[in-house]
Amino acid sequence: FWGFQWHPEKVSFEYGTIEGTDDPINPNLVHSADATYMAFKMADKFVQLARKSSHVYTDFERWPLVWNYPMVSGSQFEQFFVTDELIAKCNHSDNVLAAKPLLRGGGKLFDNVTVLSE
């Protein structure tokens, strides 16, 4: 089991400014060579350990493919996939399309999100 108290991938992938300004989205995010190298080494170690797993899926239909769900975008770099379990938590129908009003800010769980694909 792995856990982090921060997001090591941010130094390599999160660049940009607040819309309409020259202000960085996260002014405290360090993009130095050392920070990028540390993120790389952590990812490399994680992949090395993951490759030791003997787990395999034998039934293709049961693969947990995240791309089977609509992707939703929130503020800045936030993206997530709308699963049936997430919809159930929102007290909506098990039909993904029924969650659209909720995902567009009409519900309690999400504020400021838009559906990117269905």
PDB file of N, CA and C in Angstrom:
ATOM      1  N   PHE A   1       0.845  -1.172   0.000  1.00  0.00           N
ATOM      2  CA  PHE A   1       0.000   0.000   0.000  1.00  0.00           C
ATOM      3  C   PHE A   1       0.885   1.228   0.000  1.00  0.00           C
ATOM      4  N   TRP A   2       0.592   2.174  -0.872  1.00  0.00           N
ATOM      5  CA  TRP A   2       1.370   3.404  -0.973  1.00  0.00           C
ATOM      6  C   TRP A   2       0.479   4.602  -0.702  1.00  0.00           C
ATOM      7  N   GLY A   3       1.031   5.625  -0.111  1.00  0.00           N
ATOM      8  CA  GLY A   3       0.301   6.873   0.095  1.00  0.00           C
ATOM      9  C   GLY A   3       1.280   8.034   0.124  1.00  0.00           C
ATOM     10  N   PHE A   4       0.829   9.180  -0.321  1.00  0.00           N
ATOM     11  CA  PHE A   4       1.664  10.380  -0.332  1.00  0.00           C
ATOM     12  C   PHE A   4       0.923  11.509   0.364  1.00  0.00           C
ATOM     13  N   GLN A   5       1.647  12.403   0.968  1.00  0.00           N
ATOM     14  CA  GLN A   5       1.055  13.576   1.593  1.00  0.00           C
ATOM     15  C   GLN A   5       1.061  14.762   0.627  1.00  0.00           C
ATOM     16  N   TRP A   6       1.506  14.562  -0.575  1.00  0.00           N
ATOM     17  CA  TRP A   6       1.519  15.595  -1.600  1.00  0.00           C
ATOM     18  C   TRP A   6       1.409  14.911  -2.945  1.00  0.00           C
ATOM     19  N   HIS A   7       1.403  15.676  -4.009  1.00  0.00           N
ATOM     20  CA  HIS A   7       1.287  15.130  -5.362  1.00  0.00           C
ATOM     21  C   HIS A   7       2.622  15.303  -6.082  1.00  0.00           C
ATOM     22  N   PRO A   8       3.484  14.276  -6.065  1.00  0.00           N
ATOM     23  CA  PRO A   8       4.800  14.416  -6.685  1.00  0.00           C
ATOM     24  C   PRO A   8       4.740  14.668  -8.188  1.00  0.00           C
ATOM     25  N   GLU A   9       3.652  14.285  -8.848  1.00  0.00           N
ATOM     26  CA  GLU A   9       3.545  14.476 -10.298  1.00  0.00           C
ATOM     27  C   GLU A   9       3.321  15.935 -10.691  1.00  0.00           C
ATOM     28  N   LYS A  10       2.908  16.772  -9.753  1.00  0.00           N
ATOM     29  CA  LYS A  10       2.578  18.162 -10.090  1.00  0.00           C
ATOM     30  C   LYS A  10       3.774  18.922 -10.662  1.00  0.00           C
ATOM     31  N   VAL A  11       4.977  18.661 -10.155  1.00  0.00           N
ATOM     32  CA  VAL A  11       6.138  19.421 -10.621  1.00  0.00           C
ATOM     33  C   VAL A  11       6.407  19.189 -12.099  1.00  0.00           C
ATOM     34  N   SER A  12       6.012  18.044 -12.613  1.00  0.00           N
ATOM     35  CA  SER A  12       6.272  17.734 -14.017  1.00  0.00           C
ATOM     36  C   SER A  12       5.137  18.144 -14.941  1.00  0.00           C
ATOM     37  N   PHE A  13       3.929  18.282 -14.416  1.00  0.00           N
ATOM     38  CA  PHE A  13       2.784  18.462 -15.298  1.00  0.00           C
ATOM     39  C   PHE A  13       1.953  19.716 -15.065  1.00  0.00           C
ATOM     40  N   GLU A  14       2.061  20.366 -13.943  1.00  0.00           N
ATOM     41  CA  GLU A  14       1.204  21.519 -13.680  1.00  0.00           C
ATOM     42  C   GLU A  14       1.948  22.823 -13.911  1.00  0.00           C
ATOM     43  N   TYR A  15       1.706  23.364 -15.076  1.00  0.00           N
ATOM     44  CA  TYR A  15       2.211  24.683 -15.430  1.00  0.00           C
ATOM     45  C   TYR A  15       1.008  25.505 -15.843  1.00  0.00           C
ATOM     46  N   GLY A  16       1.122  26.758 -15.833  1.00  0.00           N
ATOM     47  CA  GLY A  16       0.021  27.577 -16.312  1.00  0.00           C
ATOM     48  C   GLY A  16      -0.257  28.744 -15.391  1.00  0.00           C
ATOM     49  N   THR A  17      -1.135  29.606 -15.884  1.00  0.00           N
ATOM     50  CA  THR A  17      -1.500  30.800 -15.139  1.00  0.00           C
ATOM     51  C   THR A  17      -3.004  30.828 -14.907  1.00  0.00           C
ATOM     52  N   ILE A  18      -3.397  31.607 -13.927  1.00  0.00           N
ATOM     53  CA  ILE A  18      -4.815  31.811 -13.659  1.00  0.00           C
ATOM     54  C   ILE A  18      -5.400  32.542 -14.855  1.00  0.00           C
ATOM     55  N   GLU A  19      -6.544  32.073 -15.318  1.00  0.00           N
ATOM     56  CA  GLU A  19      -7.165  32.607 -16.525  1.00  0.00           C
ATOM     57  C   GLU A  19      -7.278  34.130 -16.459  1.00  0.00           C
ATOM     58  N   GLY A  20      -6.792  34.778 -17.516  1.00  0.00           N
ATOM     59  CA  GLY A  20      -6.867  36.229 -17.624  1.00  0.00           C
ATOM     60  C   GLY A  20      -5.773  36.971 -16.891  1.00  0.00           C
ATOM     61  N   THR A  21      -4.808  36.244 -16.313  1.00  0.00           N
ATOM     62  CA  THR A  21      -3.712  36.889 -15.585  1.00  0.00           C
ATOM     63  C   THR A  21      -2.386  36.241 -15.968  1.00  0.00           C
ATOM     64  N   ASP A  22      -1.311  36.800 -15.448  1.00  0.00           N
ATOM     65  CA  ASP A  22       0.010  36.187 -15.581  1.00  0.00           C
ATOM     66  C   ASP A  22       0.423  35.493 -14.285  1.00  0.00           C
ATOM     67  N   ASP A  23      -0.496  35.381 -13.346  1.00  0.00           N
ATOM     68  CA  ASP A  23      -0.205  34.758 -12.056  1.00  0.00           C
ATOM     69  C   ASP A  23      -0.201  33.238 -12.192  1.00  0.00           C
ATOM     70  N   PRO A  24       0.844  32.574 -11.668  1.00  0.00           N
ATOM     71  CA  PRO A  24       0.867  31.108 -11.746  1.00  0.00           C
ATOM     72  C   PRO A  24      -0.291  30.500 -10.962  1.00  0.00           C
ATOM     73  N   ILE A  25      -0.786  29.370 -11.451  1.00  0.00           N
ATOM     74  CA  ILE A  25      -1.884  28.686 -10.769  1.00  0.00           C
ATOM     75  C   ILE A  25      -1.468  28.310  -9.354  1.00  0.00           C
ATOM     76  N   ASN A  26      -0.263  27.820  -9.203  1.00  0.00           N
ATOM     77  CA  ASN A  26       0.237  27.466  -7.881  1.00  0.00           C
ATOM     78  C   ASN A  26       1.622  28.087  -7.717  1.00  0.00           C
ATOM     79  N   PRO A  27       1.706  29.272  -7.119  1.00  0.00           N
ATOM     80  CA  PRO A  27       3.001  29.954  -7.009  1.00  0.00           C
ATOM     81  C   PRO A  27       4.005  29.235  -6.108  1.00  0.00           C
ATOM     82  N   ASN A  28       3.546  28.316  -5.283  1.00  0.00           N
ATOM     83  CA  ASN A  28       4.444  27.594  -4.375  1.00  0.00           C
ATOM     84  C   ASN A  28       4.988  26.301  -4.969  1.00  0.00           C
ATOM     85  N   LEU A  29       4.598  25.989  -6.192  1.00  0.00           N
ATOM     86  CA  LEU A  29       5.033  24.748  -6.830  1.00  0.00           C
ATOM     87  C   LEU A  29       6.414  24.947  -7.452  1.00  0.00           C
ATOM     88  N   VAL A  30       7.372  24.146  -7.010  1.00  0.00           N
ATOM     89  CA  VAL A  30       8.756  24.257  -7.475  1.00  0.00           C
ATOM     90  C   VAL A  30       8.955  23.336  -8.674  1.00  0.00           C
ATOM     91  N   HIS A  31       9.450  23.887  -9.789  1.00  0.00           N
ATOM     92  CA  HIS A  31       9.694  23.109 -11.007  1.00  0.00           C
ATOM     93  C   HIS A  31      11.191  22.928 -11.259  1.00  0.00           C
ATOM     94  N   SER A  32      11.980  22.888 -10.211  1.00  0.00           N
ATOM     95  CA  SER A  32      13.431  22.778 -10.366  1.00  0.00           C
ATOM     96  C   SER A  32      13.819  21.399 -10.893  1.00  0.00           C
ATOM     97  N   ALA A  33      15.063  21.296 -11.334  1.00  0.00           N
ATOM     98  CA  ALA A  33      15.577  20.012 -11.810  1.00  0.00           C
ATOM     99  C   ALA A  33      15.543  18.973 -10.689  1.00  0.00           C
ATOM    100  N   ASP A  34      15.874  19.386  -9.466  1.00  0.00           N
ATOM    101  CA  ASP A  34      15.849  18.450  -8.336  1.00  0.00           C
ATOM    102  C   ASP A  34      14.433  17.946  -8.054  1.00  0.00           C
ATOM    103  N   ALA A  35      13.455  18.846  -8.093  1.00  0.00           N
ATOM    104  CA  ALA A  35      12.066  18.444  -7.835  1.00  0.00           C
ATOM    105  C   ALA A  35      11.566  17.496  -8.920  1.00  0.00           C
ATOM    106  N   THR A  36      11.900  17.790 -10.162  1.00  0.00           N
ATOM    107  CA  THR A  36      11.485  16.934 -11.272  1.00  0.00           C
ATOM    108  C   THR A  36      12.161  15.569 -11.185  1.00  0.00           C
ATOM    109  N   TYR A  37      13.439  15.554 -10.824  1.00  0.00           N
ATOM    110  CA  TYR A  37      14.168  14.293 -10.688  1.00  0.00           C
ATOM    111  C   TYR A  37      13.579  13.439  -9.563  1.00  0.00           C
ATOM    112  N   MET A  38      13.243  14.074  -8.438  1.00  0.00           N
ATOM    113  CA  MET A  38      12.656  13.321  -7.336  1.00  0.00           C
ATOM    114  C   MET A  38      11.313  12.713  -7.750  1.00  0.00           C
ATOM    115  N   ALA A  39      10.493  13.467  -8.474  1.00  0.00           N
ATOM    116  CA  ALA A  39       9.207  12.942  -8.948  1.00  0.00           C
ATOM    117  C   ALA A  39       9.436  11.748  -9.871  1.00  0.00           C
ATOM    118  N   PHE A  40      10.439  11.855 -10.742  1.00  0.00           N
ATOM    119  CA  PHE A  40      10.775  10.747 -11.640  1.00  0.00           C
ATOM    120  C   PHE A  40      11.198   9.511 -10.853  1.00  0.00           C
ATOM    121  N   LYS A  41      12.072   9.696  -9.867  1.00  0.00           N
ATOM    122  CA  LYS A  41      12.563   8.557  -9.083  1.00  0.00           C
ATOM    123  C   LYS A  41      11.427   7.892  -8.300  1.00  0.00           C
ATOM    124  N   MET A  42      10.509   8.681  -7.777  1.00  0.00           N
ATOM    125  CA  MET A  42       9.376   8.105  -7.052  1.00  0.00           C
ATOM    126  C   MET A  42       8.488   7.305  -7.999  1.00  0.00           C
ATOM    127  N   ALA A  43       8.226   7.848  -9.184  1.00  0.00           N
ATOM    128  CA  ALA A  43       7.412   7.134 -10.171  1.00  0.00           C
ATOM    129  C   ALA A  43       8.116   5.856 -10.611  1.00  0.00           C
ATOM    130  N   ASP A  44       9.421   5.939 -10.829  1.00  0.00           N
ATOM    131  CA  ASP A  44      10.195   4.770 -11.242  1.00  0.00           C
ATOM    132  C   ASP A  44      10.126   3.669 -10.182  1.00  0.00           C
ATOM    133  N   LYS A  45      10.279   4.028  -8.926  1.00  0.00           N
ATOM    134  CA  LYS A  45      10.208   3.049  -7.837  1.00  0.00           C
ATOM    135  C   LYS A  45       8.816   2.422  -7.769  1.00  0.00           C
ATOM    136  N   PHE A  46       7.781   3.238  -7.903  1.00  0.00           N
ATOM    137  CA  PHE A  46       6.407   2.737  -7.871  1.00  0.00           C
ATOM    138  C   PHE A  46       6.176   1.722  -8.991  1.00  0.00           C
ATOM    139  N   VAL A  47       6.642   2.037 -10.197  1.00  0.00           N
ATOM    140  CA  VAL A  47       6.463   1.130 -11.335  1.00  0.00           C
ATOM    141  C   VAL A  47       7.263  -0.154 -11.121  1.00  0.00           C
ATOM    142  N   GLN A  48       8.478  -0.056 -10.604  1.00  0.00           N
ATOM    143  CA  GLN A  48       9.268  -1.263 -10.319  1.00  0.00           C
ATOM    144  C   GLN A  48       8.522  -2.195  -9.370  1.00  0.00           C
ATOM    145  N   LEU A  49       7.935  -1.635  -8.330  1.00  0.00           N
ATOM    146  CA  LEU A  49       7.193  -2.455  -7.366  1.00  0.00           C
ATOM    147  C   LEU A  49       5.905  -3.001  -7.972  1.00  0.00           C
ATOM    148  N   ALA A  50       5.226  -2.205  -8.793  1.00  0.00           N
ATOM    149  CA  ALA A  50       3.986  -2.666  -9.431  1.00  0.00           C
ATOM    150  C   ALA A  50       4.262  -3.836 -10.370  1.00  0.00           C
ATOM    151  N   ARG A  51       5.413  -3.839 -11.009  1.00  0.00           N
ATOM    152  CA  ARG A  51       5.759  -4.929 -11.934  1.00  0.00           C
ATOM    153  C   ARG A  51       5.968  -6.258 -11.214  1.00  0.00           C
ATOM    154  N   LYS A  52       6.179  -6.222  -9.922  1.00  0.00           N
ATOM    155  CA  LYS A  52       6.350  -7.455  -9.152  1.00  0.00           C
ATOM    156  C   LYS A  52       5.022  -8.173  -8.917  1.00  0.00           C
ATOM    157  N   SER A  53       3.921  -7.485  -9.135  1.00  0.00           N
ATOM    158  CA  SER A  53       2.607  -8.083  -8.899  1.00  0.00           C
ATOM    159  C   SER A  53       2.350  -9.215  -9.884  1.00  0.00           C
ATOM    160  N   SER A  54       1.785 -10.291  -9.387  1.00  0.00           N
ATOM    161  CA  SER A  54       1.438 -11.418 -10.256  1.00  0.00           C
ATOM    162  C   SER A  54      -0.034 -11.376 -10.662  1.00  0.00           C
ATOM    163  N   HIS A  55      -0.735 -10.331 -10.266  1.00  0.00           N
ATOM    164  CA  HIS A  55      -2.166 -10.226 -10.571  1.00  0.00           C
ATOM    165  C   HIS A  55      -2.387 -10.027 -12.071  1.00  0.00           C
ATOM    166  N   VAL A  56      -3.337 -10.779 -12.627  1.00  0.00           N
ATOM    167  CA  VAL A  56      -3.730 -10.613 -14.030  1.00  0.00           C
ATOM    168  C   VAL A  56      -5.249 -10.713 -14.121  1.00  0.00           C
ATOM    169  N   TYR A  57      -5.823 -10.002 -15.070  1.00  0.00           N
ATOM    170  CA  TYR A  57      -7.250 -10.118 -15.339  1.00  0.00           C
ATOM    171  C   TYR A  57      -7.445 -11.234 -16.356  1.00  0.00           C
ATOM    172  N   THR A  58      -8.323 -12.152 -16.051  1.00  0.00           N
ATOM    173  CA  THR A  58      -8.575 -13.264 -16.965  1.00  0.00           C
ATOM    174  C   THR A  58      -9.847 -13.057 -17.772  1.00  0.00           C
ATOM    175  N   ASP A  59     -10.691 -12.152 -17.353  1.00  0.00           N
ATOM    176  CA  ASP A  59     -11.947 -11.876 -18.048  1.00  0.00           C
ATOM    177  C   ASP A  59     -11.920 -10.429 -18.515  1.00  0.00           C
ATOM    178  N   PHE A  60     -11.724 -10.220 -19.812  1.00  0.00           N
ATOM    179  CA  PHE A  60     -11.582  -8.873 -20.352  1.00  0.00           C
ATOM    180  C   PHE A  60     -12.762  -7.980 -19.989  1.00  0.00           C
ATOM    181  N   GLU A  61     -13.958  -8.532 -19.959  1.00  0.00           N
ATOM    182  CA  GLU A  61     -15.147  -7.741 -19.660  1.00  0.00           C
ATOM    183  C   GLU A  61     -15.139  -7.174 -18.244  1.00  0.00           C
ATOM    184  N   ARG A  62     -14.361  -7.760 -17.369  1.00  0.00           N
ATOM    185  CA  ARG A  62     -14.343  -7.301 -15.979  1.00  0.00           C
ATOM    186  C   ARG A  62     -13.205  -6.335 -15.701  1.00  0.00           C
ATOM    187  N   TRP A  63     -12.409  -6.001 -16.693  1.00  0.00           N
ATOM    188  CA  TRP A  63     -11.313  -5.055 -16.482  1.00  0.00           C
ATOM    189  C   TRP A  63     -11.891  -3.730 -16.015  1.00  0.00           C
ATOM    190  N   PRO A  64     -11.300  -3.116 -15.020  1.00  0.00           N
ATOM    191  CA  PRO A  64     -11.825  -1.836 -14.531  1.00  0.00           C
ATOM    192  C   PRO A  64     -11.335  -0.671 -15.397  1.00  0.00           C
ATOM    193  N   LEU A  65     -11.865  -0.567 -16.589  1.00  0.00           N
ATOM    194  CA  LEU A  65     -11.426   0.476 -17.514  1.00  0.00           C
ATOM    195  C   LEU A  65     -12.084   1.806 -17.170  1.00  0.00           C
ATOM    196  N   VAL A  66     -11.280   2.747 -16.744  1.00  0.00           N
ATOM    197  CA  VAL A  66     -11.809   4.041 -16.343  1.00  0.00           C
ATOM    198  C   VAL A  66     -12.436   4.776 -17.526  1.00  0.00           C
ATOM    199  N   TRP A  67     -11.966   4.478 -18.729  1.00  0.00           N
ATOM    200  CA  TRP A  67     -12.481   5.174 -19.909  1.00  0.00           C
ATOM    201  C   TRP A  67     -13.910   4.764 -20.257  1.00  0.00           C
ATOM    202  N   ASN A  68     -14.474   3.794 -19.543  1.00  0.00           N
ATOM    203  CA  ASN A  68     -15.871   3.421 -19.746  1.00  0.00           C
ATOM    204  C   ASN A  68     -16.828   4.418 -19.100  1.00  0.00           C
ATOM    205  N   TYR A  69     -16.312   5.397 -18.397  1.00  0.00           N
ATOM    206  CA  TYR A  69     -17.135   6.366 -17.677  1.00  0.00           C
ATOM    207  C   TYR A  69     -16.911   7.771 -18.235  1.00  0.00           C
ATOM    208  N   PRO A  70     -17.919   8.635 -18.127  1.00  0.00           N
ATOM    209  CA  PRO A  70     -17.731  10.014 -18.583  1.00  0.00           C
ATOM    210  C   PRO A  70     -16.678  10.720 -17.729  1.00  0.00           C
ATOM    211  N   MET A  71     -15.829  11.532 -18.377  1.00  0.00           N
ATOM    212  CA  MET A  71     -14.832  12.307 -17.654  1.00  0.00           C
ATOM    213  C   MET A  71     -15.396  13.699 -17.409  1.00  0.00           C
ATOM    214  N   VAL A  72     -15.137  14.202 -16.220  1.00  0.00           N
ATOM    215  CA  VAL A  72     -15.656  15.499 -15.816  1.00  0.00           C
ATOM    216  C   VAL A  72     -14.482  16.372 -15.417  1.00  0.00           C
ATOM    217  N   SER A  73     -14.551  17.648 -15.748  1.00  0.00           N
ATOM    218  CA  SER A  73     -13.499  18.587 -15.407  1.00  0.00           C
ATOM    219  C   SER A  73     -14.025  19.596 -14.405  1.00  0.00           C
ATOM    220  N   GLY A  74     -13.229  19.841 -13.379  1.00  0.00           N
ATOM    221  CA  GLY A  74     -13.585  20.839 -12.382  1.00  0.00           C
ATOM    222  C   GLY A  74     -12.716  22.062 -12.561  1.00  0.00           C
ATOM    223  N   SER A  75     -12.321  22.676 -11.484  1.00  0.00           N
ATOM    224  CA  SER A  75     -11.505  23.874 -11.565  1.00  0.00           C
ATOM    225  C   SER A  75     -10.051  23.506 -11.853  1.00  0.00           C
ATOM    226  N   GLN A  76      -9.373  24.345 -12.573  1.00  0.00           N
ATOM    227  CA  GLN A  76      -7.962  24.219 -12.921  1.00  0.00           C
ATOM    228  C   GLN A  76      -7.626  22.845 -13.487  1.00  0.00           C
ATOM    229  N   PHE A  77      -6.864  22.025 -12.772  1.00  0.00           N
ATOM    230  CA  PHE A  77      -6.386  20.751 -13.303  1.00  0.00           C
ATOM    231  C   PHE A  77      -7.200  19.557 -12.827  1.00  0.00           C
ATOM    232  N   GLU A  78      -8.338  19.795 -12.231  1.00  0.00           N
ATOM    233  CA  GLU A  78      -9.113  18.704 -11.645  1.00  0.00           C
ATOM    234  C   GLU A  78      -9.936  17.972 -12.698  1.00  0.00           C
ATOM    235  N   GLN A  79      -9.781  16.657 -12.766  1.00  0.00           N
ATOM    236  CA  GLN A  79     -10.580  15.801 -13.642  1.00  0.00           C
ATOM    237  C   GLN A  79     -10.925  14.535 -12.877  1.00  0.00           C
ATOM    238  N   PHE A  80     -12.115  14.009 -13.113  1.00  0.00           N
ATOM    239  CA  PHE A  80     -12.479  12.744 -12.509  1.00  0.00           C
ATOM    240  C   PHE A  80     -13.503  12.052 -13.374  1.00  0.00           C
ATOM    241  N   PHE A  81     -13.698  10.775 -13.117  1.00  0.00           N
ATOM    242  CA  PHE A  81     -14.621   9.953 -13.892  1.00  0.00           C
ATOM    243  C   PHE A  81     -15.861   9.666 -13.057  1.00  0.00           C
ATOM    244  N   VAL A  82     -17.015   9.741 -13.695  1.00  0.00           N
ATOM    245  CA  VAL A  82     -18.285   9.569 -12.997  1.00  0.00           C
ATOM    246  C   VAL A  82     -18.680   8.101 -13.050  1.00  0.00           C
ATOM    247  N   THR A  83     -18.506   7.404 -11.946  1.00  0.00           N
ATOM    248  CA  THR A  83     -18.847   5.986 -11.866  1.00  0.00           C
ATOM    249  C   THR A  83     -20.256   5.828 -11.297  1.00  0.00           C
ATOM    250  N   ASP A  84     -20.790   4.644 -11.438  1.00  0.00           N
ATOM    251  CA  ASP A  84     -22.112   4.361 -10.881  1.00  0.00           C
ATOM    252  C   ASP A  84     -22.124   4.583  -9.368  1.00  0.00           C
ATOM    253  N   GLU A  85     -21.019   4.240  -8.704  1.00  0.00           N
ATOM    254  CA  GLU A  85     -20.936   4.424  -7.263  1.00  0.00           C
ATOM    255  C   GLU A  85     -20.985   5.902  -6.904  1.00  0.00           C
ATOM    256  N   LEU A  86     -20.340   6.727  -7.707  1.00  0.00           N
ATOM    257  CA  LEU A  86     -20.358   8.163  -7.458  1.00  0.00           C
ATOM    258  C   LEU A  86     -21.765   8.715  -7.624  1.00  0.00           C
ATOM    259  N   ILE A  87     -22.444   8.251  -8.649  1.00  0.00           N
ATOM    260  CA  ILE A  87     -23.820   8.694  -8.867  1.00  0.00           C
ATOM    261  C   ILE A  87     -24.701   8.263  -7.700  1.00  0.00           C
ATOM    262  N   ALA A  88     -24.496   7.042  -7.218  1.00  0.00           N
ATOM    263  CA  ALA A  88     -25.287   6.559  -6.083  1.00  0.00           C
ATOM    264  C   ALA A  88     -25.065   7.438  -4.858  1.00  0.00           C
ATOM    265  N   LYS A  89     -23.835   7.884  -4.665  1.00  0.00           N
ATOM    266  CA  LYS A  89     -23.548   8.773  -3.538  1.00  0.00           C
ATOM    267  C   LYS A  89     -24.281  10.099  -3.685  1.00  0.00           C
ATOM    268  N   CYS A  90     -24.566  10.464  -4.902  1.00  0.00           N
ATOM    269  CA  CYS A  90     -25.258  11.723  -5.168  1.00  0.00           C
ATOM    270  C   CYS A  90     -26.771  11.566  -5.069  1.00  0.00           C
ATOM    271  N   ASN A  91     -27.232  10.370  -4.724  1.00  0.00           N
ATOM    272  CA  ASN A  91     -28.664  10.086  -4.609  1.00  0.00           C
ATOM    273  C   ASN A  91     -29.406  10.314  -5.914  1.00  0.00           C
ATOM    274  N   HIS A  92     -28.784   9.932  -7.020  1.00  0.00           N
ATOM    275  CA  HIS A  92     -29.415  10.024  -8.327  1.00  0.00           C
ATOM    276  C   HIS A  92     -29.611   8.619  -8.883  1.00  0.00           C
ATOM    277  N   SER A  93     -30.271   8.552 -10.013  1.00  0.00           N
ATOM    278  CA  SER A  93     -30.489   7.293 -10.719  1.00  0.00           C
ATOM    279  C   SER A  93     -29.150   6.649 -11.049  1.00  0.00           C
ATOM    280  N   ASP A  94     -29.167   5.332 -11.315  1.00  0.00           N
ATOM    281  CA  ASP A  94     -27.930   4.660 -11.715  1.00  0.00           C
ATOM    282  C   ASP A  94     -27.595   4.956 -13.174  1.00  0.00           C
ATOM    283  N   ASN A  95     -28.405   5.727 -13.849  1.00  0.00           N
ATOM    284  CA  ASN A  95     -28.147   6.157 -15.216  1.00  0.00           C
ATOM    285  C   ASN A  95     -27.173   7.332 -15.179  1.00  0.00           C
ATOM    286  N   VAL A  96     -26.032   7.196 -15.862  1.00  0.00           N
ATOM    287  CA  VAL A  96     -25.007   8.239 -15.853  1.00  0.00           C
ATOM    288  C   VAL A  96     -25.568   9.572 -16.326  1.00  0.00           C
ATOM    289  N   LEU A  97     -26.438   9.554 -17.320  1.00  0.00           N
ATOM    290  CA  LEU A  97     -26.974  10.809 -17.846  1.00  0.00           C
ATOM    291  C   LEU A  97     -27.807  11.551 -16.813  1.00  0.00           C
ATOM    292  N   ALA A  98     -28.365  10.840 -15.853  1.00  0.00           N
ATOM    293  CA  ALA A  98     -29.155  11.493 -14.812  1.00  0.00           C
ATOM    294  C   ALA A  98     -28.284  12.360 -13.914  1.00  0.00           C
ATOM    295  N   ALA A  99     -26.982  12.126 -13.920  1.00  0.00           N
ATOM    296  CA  ALA A  99     -26.081  12.901 -13.064  1.00  0.00           C
ATOM    297  C   ALA A  99     -25.677  14.223 -13.688  1.00  0.00           C
ATOM    298  N   LYS A 100     -25.985  14.448 -14.961  1.00  0.00           N
ATOM    299  CA  LYS A 100     -25.547  15.680 -15.617  1.00  0.00           C
ATOM    300  C   LYS A 100     -25.929  16.951 -14.860  1.00  0.00           C
ATOM    301  N   PRO A 101     -27.189  17.103 -14.422  1.00  0.00           N
ATOM    302  CA  PRO A 101     -27.507  18.337 -13.695  1.00  0.00           C
ATOM    303  C   PRO A 101     -26.658  18.489 -12.442  1.00  0.00           C
ATOM    304  N   LEU A 102     -26.375  17.389 -11.770  1.00  0.00           N
ATOM    305  CA  LEU A 102     -25.555  17.425 -10.571  1.00  0.00           C
ATOM    306  C   LEU A 102     -24.128  17.836 -10.921  1.00  0.00           C
ATOM    307  N   LEU A 103     -23.602  17.261 -11.992  1.00  0.00           N
ATOM    308  CA  LEU A 103     -22.222  17.544 -12.385  1.00  0.00           C
ATOM    309  C   LEU A 103     -22.045  18.973 -12.854  1.00  0.00           C
ATOM    310  N   ARG A 104     -23.092  19.577 -13.319  1.00  0.00           N
ATOM    311  CA  ARG A 104     -23.001  20.961 -13.789  1.00  0.00           C
ATOM    312  C   ARG A 104     -23.260  21.950 -12.666  1.00  0.00           C
ATOM    313  N   GLY A 105     -23.209  21.487 -11.435  1.00  0.00           N
ATOM    314  CA  GLY A 105     -23.330  22.396 -10.303  1.00  0.00           C
ATOM    315  C   GLY A 105     -24.697  22.386  -9.659  1.00  0.00           C
ATOM    316  N   GLY A 106     -25.603  21.531 -10.138  1.00  0.00           N
ATOM    317  CA  GLY A 106     -26.947  21.523  -9.592  1.00  0.00           C
ATOM    318  C   GLY A 106     -27.098  20.658  -8.360  1.00  0.00           C
ATOM    319  N   GLY A 107     -26.035  20.049  -7.887  1.00  0.00           N
ATOM    320  CA  GLY A 107     -26.151  19.154  -6.745  1.00  0.00           C
ATOM    321  C   GLY A 107     -25.195  19.519  -5.641  1.00  0.00           C
ATOM    322  N   LYS A 108     -25.190  18.725  -4.601  1.00  0.00           N
ATOM    323  CA  LYS A 108     -24.388  19.026  -3.423  1.00  0.00           C
ATOM    324  C   LYS A 108     -22.935  18.608  -3.568  1.00  0.00           C
ATOM    325  N   LEU A 109     -22.684  17.537  -4.336  1.00  0.00           N
ATOM    326  CA  LEU A 109     -21.350  16.956  -4.337  1.00  0.00           C
ATOM    327  C   LEU A 109     -20.335  17.776  -5.136  1.00  0.00           C
ATOM    328  N   PHE A 110     -20.741  18.363  -6.236  1.00  0.00           N
ATOM    329  CA  PHE A 110     -19.804  19.075  -7.105  1.00  0.00           C
ATOM    330  C   PHE A 110     -20.219  20.529  -7.274  1.00  0.00           C
ATOM    331  N   ASP A 111     -19.185  21.394  -7.397  1.00  0.00           N
ATOM    332  CA  ASP A 111     -19.464  22.800  -7.702  1.00  0.00           C
ATOM    333  C   ASP A 111     -18.810  23.057  -9.067  1.00  0.00           C
ATOM    334  N   ASN A 112     -18.955  23.741  -9.895  1.00  0.00           N
ATOM    335  CA  ASN A 112     -18.115  24.161 -11.020  1.00  0.00           C
ATOM    336  C   ASN A 112     -17.520  23.037 -11.866  1.00  0.00           C
ATOM    337  N   VAL A 113     -18.318  22.114 -12.375  1.00  0.00           N
ATOM    338  CA  VAL A 113     -17.789  21.073 -13.251  1.00  0.00           C
ATOM    339  C   VAL A 113     -18.588  20.996 -14.537  1.00  0.00           C
ATOM    340  N   THR A 114     -17.941  20.521 -15.598  1.00  0.00           N
ATOM    341  CA  THR A 114     -18.627  20.345 -16.874  1.00  0.00           C
ATOM    342  C   THR A 114     -18.279  18.984 -17.445  1.00  0.00           C
ATOM    343  N   VAL A 115     -19.206  18.370 -18.143  1.00  0.00           N
ATOM    344  CA  VAL A 115     -18.976  17.063 -18.746  1.00  0.00           C
ATOM    345  C   VAL A 115     -18.121  17.241 -19.989  1.00  0.00           C
ATOM    346  N   LEU A 116     -17.001  16.515 -20.086  1.00  0.00           N
ATOM    347  CA  LEU A 116     -16.118  16.604 -21.243  1.00  0.00           C
ATOM    348  C   LEU A 116     -16.473  15.586 -22.306  1.00  0.00           C
ATOM    349  N   SER A 117     -16.918  14.406 -21.899  1.00  0.00           N
ATOM    350  CA  SER A 117     -17.260  13.372 -22.870  1.00  0.00           C
ATOM    351  C   SER A 117     -18.290  12.448 -22.257  1.00  0.00           C
ATOM    352  N   GLU A 118     -18.996  11.724 -23.126  1.00  0.00           N
ATOM    353  CA  GLU A 118     -19.996  10.788 -22.633  1.00  0.00           C
ATOM    354  C   GLU A 118     -19.770   9.446 -23.276  1.00  0.00           C
TER     355      GLU A 118
END
